[in-house]
C-alpha cells in the first residue's frame, strides 16, 4: 500500500523523501516495481472485471450478496467477503429504490389554526 502511494505520487515528491516519511527502503520500493503481479492480484483483476459485468447486467441493482450468488451460478469460485471488498474498492454500489412515504396528511378533520402572520 505504501509502495503504491509512492508510485502514484513520484512525480509530485522525490522518491527518497517519500520513502523516509513512510519508513520504507528505497531498494524495497524499486524491488516492488520490478516484481510481477502475484497470482492473487491477477485473480482479483479478473474477478473485478467479472463483478463489473454482472453489476452492469443487473442494471446496477445487485449488491454484493446477489452478485456473489450470480458468480457462483456462473462457476466462479469466490468468497462473499472478497466480492464485497472488491466492490467497495472500485466504488461499485447498488442503486436502492426507496419506497415513497407521505409525510404530510392534508385530509384530516382536525381544526386548522388561522394564519396570523399572512
N, C-alpha and C. Protein backbone atom coordinates (compact mmCIF):
# COMPACT_ATOMS: atom_id res chain seq x y z
N UNK A 1 0.82 -1.18 0.00
CA UNK A 1 0.00 0.00 0.00
C UNK A 1 0.88 1.26 0.00
N UNK A 2 1.94 1.23 0.79
CA UNK A 2 2.84 2.39 0.83
C UNK A 2 3.59 2.52 -0.50
N UNK A 3 4.00 1.36 -1.03
CA UNK A 3 4.71 1.41 -2.30
C UNK A 3 3.81 1.94 -3.41
N UNK A 4 2.55 1.56 -3.38
CA UNK A 4 1.61 2.04 -4.39
C UNK A 4 1.45 3.56 -4.28
N UNK A 5 1.39 4.07 -3.05
CA UNK A 5 1.29 5.51 -2.84
C UNK A 5 2.52 6.22 -3.41
N UNK A 6 3.69 5.67 -3.12
CA UNK A 6 4.93 6.27 -3.63
C UNK A 6 4.92 6.27 -5.15
N UNK A 7 4.49 5.17 -5.73
CA UNK A 7 4.46 5.06 -7.19
C UNK A 7 3.49 6.07 -7.81
N UNK A 8 2.35 6.28 -7.18
CA UNK A 8 1.35 7.21 -7.71
C UNK A 8 1.78 8.67 -7.57
N UNK A 9 2.62 8.97 -6.57
CA UNK A 9 2.99 10.36 -6.31
C UNK A 9 4.45 10.66 -6.61
N UNK A 10 5.10 9.81 -7.38
CA UNK A 10 6.54 10.01 -7.61
C UNK A 10 6.83 11.23 -8.46
N UNK A 11 5.86 11.73 -9.19
CA UNK A 11 6.07 12.95 -9.99
C UNK A 11 5.85 14.22 -9.16
N UNK A 12 5.23 14.05 -7.99
CA UNK A 12 4.94 15.19 -7.12
C UNK A 12 6.07 15.42 -6.13
N UNK A 13 6.52 14.34 -5.46
CA UNK A 13 7.58 14.44 -4.46
C UNK A 13 8.72 13.48 -4.80
N UNK A 14 9.91 13.77 -4.33
CA UNK A 14 11.04 12.85 -4.56
C UNK A 14 10.82 11.52 -3.86
N UNK A 15 11.24 10.46 -4.54
CA UNK A 15 11.06 9.11 -4.00
C UNK A 15 11.80 8.93 -2.69
N UNK A 16 13.00 9.49 -2.59
CA UNK A 16 13.80 9.34 -1.38
C UNK A 16 13.07 9.91 -0.17
N UNK A 17 12.48 11.08 -0.32
CA UNK A 17 11.78 11.72 0.80
C UNK A 17 10.54 10.92 1.18
N UNK A 18 9.78 10.45 0.18
CA UNK A 18 8.58 9.67 0.49
C UNK A 18 8.94 8.37 1.20
N UNK A 19 10.04 7.75 0.80
CA UNK A 19 10.47 6.50 1.44
C UNK A 19 10.84 6.76 2.90
N UNK A 20 11.50 7.89 3.17
CA UNK A 20 11.85 8.21 4.56
C UNK A 20 10.61 8.49 5.39
N UNK A 21 9.68 9.26 4.84
CA UNK A 21 8.47 9.62 5.58
C UNK A 21 7.62 8.37 5.86
N UNK A 22 7.51 7.49 4.87
CA UNK A 22 6.69 6.29 5.02
C UNK A 22 7.45 5.12 5.64
N UNK A 23 8.70 5.35 5.97
CA UNK A 23 9.56 4.37 6.66
C UNK A 23 9.68 3.06 5.88
N UNK A 24 10.00 3.19 4.58
CA UNK A 24 10.31 2.03 3.75
C UNK A 24 11.64 2.28 3.06
N UNK A 25 12.29 1.21 2.63
CA UNK A 25 13.58 1.39 1.97
C UNK A 25 13.37 1.68 0.49
N UNK A 26 14.29 2.47 -0.06
CA UNK A 26 14.23 2.78 -1.49
C UNK A 26 14.41 1.52 -2.32
N UNK A 27 15.34 0.66 -1.88
CA UNK A 27 15.59 -0.56 -2.64
C UNK A 27 14.36 -1.47 -2.61
N UNK A 28 13.63 -1.48 -1.51
CA UNK A 28 12.40 -2.26 -1.42
C UNK A 28 11.35 -1.74 -2.39
N UNK A 29 11.27 -0.41 -2.53
CA UNK A 29 10.33 0.18 -3.47
C UNK A 29 10.67 -0.22 -4.90
N UNK A 30 11.94 -0.09 -5.28
CA UNK A 30 12.33 -0.44 -6.64
C UNK A 30 12.19 -1.94 -6.89
N UNK A 31 12.42 -2.76 -5.86
CA UNK A 31 12.20 -4.20 -5.99
C UNK A 31 10.73 -4.50 -6.21
N UNK A 32 9.85 -3.79 -5.51
CA UNK A 32 8.40 -3.94 -5.66
C UNK A 32 7.96 -3.60 -7.08
N UNK A 33 8.56 -2.56 -7.67
CA UNK A 33 8.19 -2.14 -9.03
C UNK A 33 8.58 -3.19 -10.07
N UNK A 34 9.72 -3.88 -9.84
CA UNK A 34 10.19 -4.88 -10.81
C UNK A 34 9.43 -6.20 -10.69
N UNK A 35 8.89 -6.47 -9.52
CA UNK A 35 8.23 -7.74 -9.26
C UNK A 35 6.95 -7.87 -10.09
N UNK A 36 6.71 -9.06 -10.70
CA UNK A 36 5.46 -9.24 -11.46
C UNK A 36 4.28 -9.37 -10.50
N UNK A 37 3.07 -9.10 -10.98
CA UNK A 37 1.90 -9.21 -10.11
C UNK A 37 1.73 -10.65 -9.63
N UNK A 38 1.28 -10.81 -8.39
CA UNK A 38 1.10 -12.13 -7.81
C UNK A 38 -0.13 -12.81 -8.42
N UNK A 39 -0.25 -14.10 -8.19
CA UNK A 39 -1.41 -14.84 -8.68
C UNK A 39 -2.71 -14.29 -8.08
N UNK A 40 -2.64 -13.91 -6.79
CA UNK A 40 -3.82 -13.35 -6.14
C UNK A 40 -4.21 -12.01 -6.78
N UNK A 41 -3.22 -11.18 -7.10
CA UNK A 41 -3.52 -9.88 -7.73
C UNK A 41 -4.14 -10.09 -9.11
N UNK A 42 -3.63 -11.05 -9.86
CA UNK A 42 -4.20 -11.35 -11.18
C UNK A 42 -5.63 -11.86 -11.04
N UNK A 43 -5.85 -12.72 -10.06
CA UNK A 43 -7.19 -13.27 -9.82
C UNK A 43 -8.18 -12.18 -9.45
N UNK A 44 -7.73 -11.23 -8.61
CA UNK A 44 -8.60 -10.12 -8.22
C UNK A 44 -8.95 -9.22 -9.41
N UNK A 45 -8.00 -9.04 -10.33
CA UNK A 45 -8.27 -8.24 -11.53
C UNK A 45 -9.34 -8.90 -12.39
N UNK A 46 -9.22 -10.21 -12.58
CA UNK A 46 -10.21 -10.95 -13.36
C UNK A 46 -11.56 -10.90 -12.66
N UNK A 47 -11.57 -11.08 -11.35
CA UNK A 47 -12.80 -11.04 -10.58
C UNK A 47 -13.45 -9.66 -10.62
N UNK A 48 -12.64 -8.62 -10.62
CA UNK A 48 -13.16 -7.25 -10.70
C UNK A 48 -13.89 -7.03 -12.02
N UNK A 49 -13.31 -7.50 -13.11
CA UNK A 49 -13.95 -7.35 -14.42
C UNK A 49 -15.27 -8.12 -14.45
N UNK A 50 -15.26 -9.32 -13.90
CA UNK A 50 -16.48 -10.14 -13.87
C UNK A 50 -17.56 -9.50 -13.01
N UNK A 51 -17.17 -8.95 -11.86
CA UNK A 51 -18.13 -8.29 -10.97
C UNK A 51 -18.73 -7.07 -11.66
N UNK A 52 -17.91 -6.29 -12.35
CA UNK A 52 -18.43 -5.12 -13.07
C UNK A 52 -19.41 -5.55 -14.15
N UNK A 53 -19.12 -6.66 -14.80
CA UNK A 53 -20.01 -7.17 -15.85
C UNK A 53 -21.36 -7.60 -15.27
N UNK A 54 -21.34 -8.37 -14.19
CA UNK A 54 -22.58 -8.82 -13.55
C UNK A 54 -23.36 -7.63 -13.02
N UNK A 55 -22.66 -6.66 -12.47
CA UNK A 55 -23.32 -5.46 -11.93
C UNK A 55 -24.00 -4.68 -13.05
N UNK A 56 -23.35 -4.58 -14.19
CA UNK A 56 -23.94 -3.87 -15.33
C UNK A 56 -25.15 -4.63 -15.89
N UNK A 57 -25.06 -5.96 -15.93
CA UNK A 57 -26.17 -6.77 -16.43
C UNK A 57 -27.39 -6.67 -15.53
N UNK A 58 -27.18 -6.42 -14.26
CA UNK A 58 -28.30 -6.30 -13.32
C UNK A 58 -28.84 -4.88 -13.26
N UNK A 59 -28.44 -4.05 -14.18
CA UNK A 59 -28.82 -2.63 -14.24
C UNK A 59 -28.40 -1.90 -12.97
N UNK A 60 -27.26 -2.33 -12.40
CA UNK A 60 -26.64 -1.73 -11.21
C UNK A 60 -27.54 -1.82 -9.99
N UNK A 61 -28.36 -2.86 -9.94
CA UNK A 61 -29.27 -3.03 -8.81
C UNK A 61 -28.70 -4.00 -7.78
N UNK A 62 -27.97 -5.03 -8.23
CA UNK A 62 -27.48 -6.06 -7.32
C UNK A 62 -26.40 -5.54 -6.38
N UNK A 63 -26.46 -5.98 -5.14
CA UNK A 63 -25.42 -5.71 -4.16
C UNK A 63 -24.48 -6.91 -4.10
N UNK A 64 -23.58 -6.91 -3.13
CA UNK A 64 -22.58 -7.97 -3.07
C UNK A 64 -23.17 -9.37 -2.83
N UNK A 65 -24.22 -9.56 -2.00
CA UNK A 65 -24.73 -10.93 -1.83
C UNK A 65 -25.30 -11.52 -3.12
N UNK A 66 -26.06 -10.71 -3.85
CA UNK A 66 -26.64 -11.21 -5.10
C UNK A 66 -25.58 -11.41 -6.17
N UNK A 67 -24.62 -10.52 -6.23
CA UNK A 67 -23.54 -10.69 -7.20
C UNK A 67 -22.75 -11.95 -6.87
N UNK A 68 -22.52 -12.20 -5.59
CA UNK A 68 -21.81 -13.42 -5.17
C UNK A 68 -22.58 -14.65 -5.63
N UNK A 69 -23.90 -14.66 -5.43
CA UNK A 69 -24.71 -15.80 -5.87
C UNK A 69 -24.65 -15.97 -7.38
N UNK A 70 -24.67 -14.86 -8.11
CA UNK A 70 -24.60 -14.91 -9.57
C UNK A 70 -23.24 -15.45 -10.04
N UNK A 71 -22.18 -15.05 -9.37
CA UNK A 71 -20.84 -15.56 -9.72
C UNK A 71 -20.74 -17.06 -9.46
N UNK A 72 -21.31 -17.52 -8.35
CA UNK A 72 -21.32 -18.96 -8.07
C UNK A 72 -22.11 -19.72 -9.13
N UNK A 73 -23.22 -19.13 -9.59
CA UNK A 73 -24.03 -19.77 -10.63
C UNK A 73 -23.26 -19.84 -11.95
N UNK A 74 -22.39 -18.87 -12.19
CA UNK A 74 -21.59 -18.87 -13.41
C UNK A 74 -20.36 -19.76 -13.30
N UNK A 75 -20.12 -20.31 -12.12
CA UNK A 75 -18.98 -21.19 -11.95
C UNK A 75 -17.74 -20.52 -11.39
N UNK A 76 -17.84 -19.26 -11.01
CA UNK A 76 -16.71 -18.54 -10.40
C UNK A 76 -16.65 -18.91 -8.93
N UNK A 77 -15.52 -19.42 -8.48
CA UNK A 77 -15.36 -19.77 -7.09
C UNK A 77 -14.77 -18.58 -6.34
N UNK A 78 -15.57 -17.97 -5.46
CA UNK A 78 -15.10 -16.80 -4.72
C UNK A 78 -15.84 -16.70 -3.40
N UNK A 79 -15.33 -15.86 -2.53
CA UNK A 79 -15.89 -15.65 -1.21
C UNK A 79 -16.79 -14.41 -1.23
N UNK A 80 -17.85 -14.43 -0.43
CA UNK A 80 -18.77 -13.30 -0.35
C UNK A 80 -18.06 -12.04 0.14
N UNK A 81 -17.15 -12.20 1.10
CA UNK A 81 -16.41 -11.05 1.63
C UNK A 81 -15.47 -10.46 0.59
N UNK A 82 -14.88 -11.32 -0.24
CA UNK A 82 -14.00 -10.83 -1.30
C UNK A 82 -14.78 -10.01 -2.30
N UNK A 83 -15.97 -10.47 -2.66
CA UNK A 83 -16.82 -9.72 -3.59
C UNK A 83 -17.16 -8.36 -2.99
N UNK A 84 -17.52 -8.33 -1.72
CA UNK A 84 -17.87 -7.07 -1.05
C UNK A 84 -16.67 -6.13 -1.01
N UNK A 85 -15.49 -6.66 -0.73
CA UNK A 85 -14.28 -5.84 -0.67
C UNK A 85 -13.94 -5.26 -2.03
N UNK A 86 -14.00 -6.08 -3.07
CA UNK A 86 -13.69 -5.60 -4.42
C UNK A 86 -14.69 -4.54 -4.84
N UNK A 87 -15.96 -4.74 -4.51
CA UNK A 87 -16.97 -3.74 -4.85
C UNK A 87 -16.70 -2.42 -4.13
N UNK A 88 -16.31 -2.49 -2.87
CA UNK A 88 -16.03 -1.27 -2.12
C UNK A 88 -14.80 -0.55 -2.66
N UNK A 89 -13.76 -1.32 -3.01
CA UNK A 89 -12.53 -0.70 -3.53
C UNK A 89 -12.76 -0.01 -4.87
N UNK A 90 -13.67 -0.54 -5.68
CA UNK A 90 -13.92 0.01 -7.00
C UNK A 90 -15.18 0.87 -7.06
N UNK A 91 -15.71 1.19 -5.89
CA UNK A 91 -16.88 2.07 -5.77
C UNK A 91 -18.07 1.55 -6.60
N UNK A 92 -18.30 0.25 -6.53
CA UNK A 92 -19.44 -0.37 -7.20
C UNK A 92 -20.54 -0.52 -6.15
N UNK A 93 -21.64 0.19 -6.35
CA UNK A 93 -22.71 0.19 -5.37
C UNK A 93 -24.03 -0.12 -6.05
N UNK A 94 -24.94 -0.71 -5.29
CA UNK A 94 -26.26 -0.98 -5.82
C UNK A 94 -27.12 0.27 -5.69
N UNK A 95 -28.00 0.43 -6.66
CA UNK A 95 -28.94 1.54 -6.58
C UNK A 95 -30.13 1.08 -5.76
N UNK A 96 -30.47 1.83 -4.75
CA UNK A 96 -31.57 1.46 -3.86
C UNK A 96 -32.76 2.35 -4.17
N UNK A 97 -33.88 1.72 -4.50
CA UNK A 97 -35.10 2.49 -4.75
C UNK A 97 -35.89 2.52 -3.46
N UNK A 98 -36.05 3.68 -2.92
CA UNK A 98 -36.74 3.83 -1.65
C UNK A 98 -38.25 3.96 -1.89
N UNK A 99 -39.01 3.39 -0.96
CA UNK A 99 -40.45 3.46 -1.02
C UNK A 99 -40.90 4.88 -0.69
N UNK A 100 -41.89 5.39 -1.43
CA UNK A 100 -42.42 6.72 -1.17
C UNK A 100 -43.17 6.73 0.14
N UNK A 101 -42.92 7.71 0.96
CA UNK A 101 -43.61 7.83 2.23
C UNK A 101 -44.16 9.24 2.35
N UNK A 102 -45.47 9.34 2.46
CA UNK A 102 -46.11 10.64 2.61
C UNK A 102 -45.87 11.14 4.03
N UNK A 103 -45.37 12.37 4.13
CA UNK A 103 -45.08 12.93 5.45
C UNK A 103 -46.11 13.95 5.90
N UNK A 104 -46.98 14.36 5.00
CA UNK A 104 -48.00 15.35 5.35
C UNK A 104 -49.38 14.78 5.06
N UNK A 105 -50.27 14.89 6.01
CA UNK A 105 -51.65 14.44 5.82
C UNK A 105 -52.54 15.67 5.78
N UNK A 106 -52.92 16.10 4.58
CA UNK A 106 -53.73 17.31 4.43
C UNK A 106 -55.22 17.02 4.56
N UNK A 107 -55.59 15.76 4.47
CA UNK A 107 -57.01 15.40 4.52
C UNK A 107 -57.35 14.84 5.90
N UNK A 108 -57.60 15.78 6.82
CA UNK A 108 -57.92 15.37 8.18
C UNK A 108 -59.07 16.24 8.70
N UNK A 109 -59.65 15.82 9.82
CA UNK A 109 -60.79 16.53 10.39
C UNK A 109 -60.40 17.44 11.54
N UNK A 110 -59.14 17.60 11.81
CA UNK A 110 -58.69 18.43 12.93
C UNK A 110 -58.80 19.92 12.58
N UNK A 111 -59.01 20.76 13.57
CA UNK A 111 -59.12 22.21 13.28
C UNK A 111 -57.77 22.77 12.81
N UNK A 112 -57.82 23.70 11.88
CA UNK A 112 -56.62 24.31 11.34
C UNK A 112 -56.52 25.72 11.90
N UNK A 113 -55.36 26.08 12.41
CA UNK A 113 -55.16 27.41 13.02
C UNK A 113 -55.16 28.46 11.94
N UNK A 114 -55.64 29.67 12.29
CA UNK A 114 -55.66 30.79 11.35
C UNK A 114 -54.24 31.26 11.10
N UNK A 115 -54.00 31.79 9.88
CA UNK A 115 -52.70 32.33 9.51
C UNK A 115 -52.64 33.78 9.97
N UNK A 116 -52.05 34.01 11.13
CA UNK A 116 -51.99 35.37 11.69
C UNK A 116 -50.86 36.18 11.08
N UNK A 117 -49.81 35.52 10.59
CA UNK A 117 -48.67 36.24 10.04
C UNK A 117 -48.87 36.61 8.57
N UNK A 118 -49.74 35.88 7.89
CA UNK A 118 -50.01 36.09 6.46
C UNK A 118 -48.75 35.94 5.65
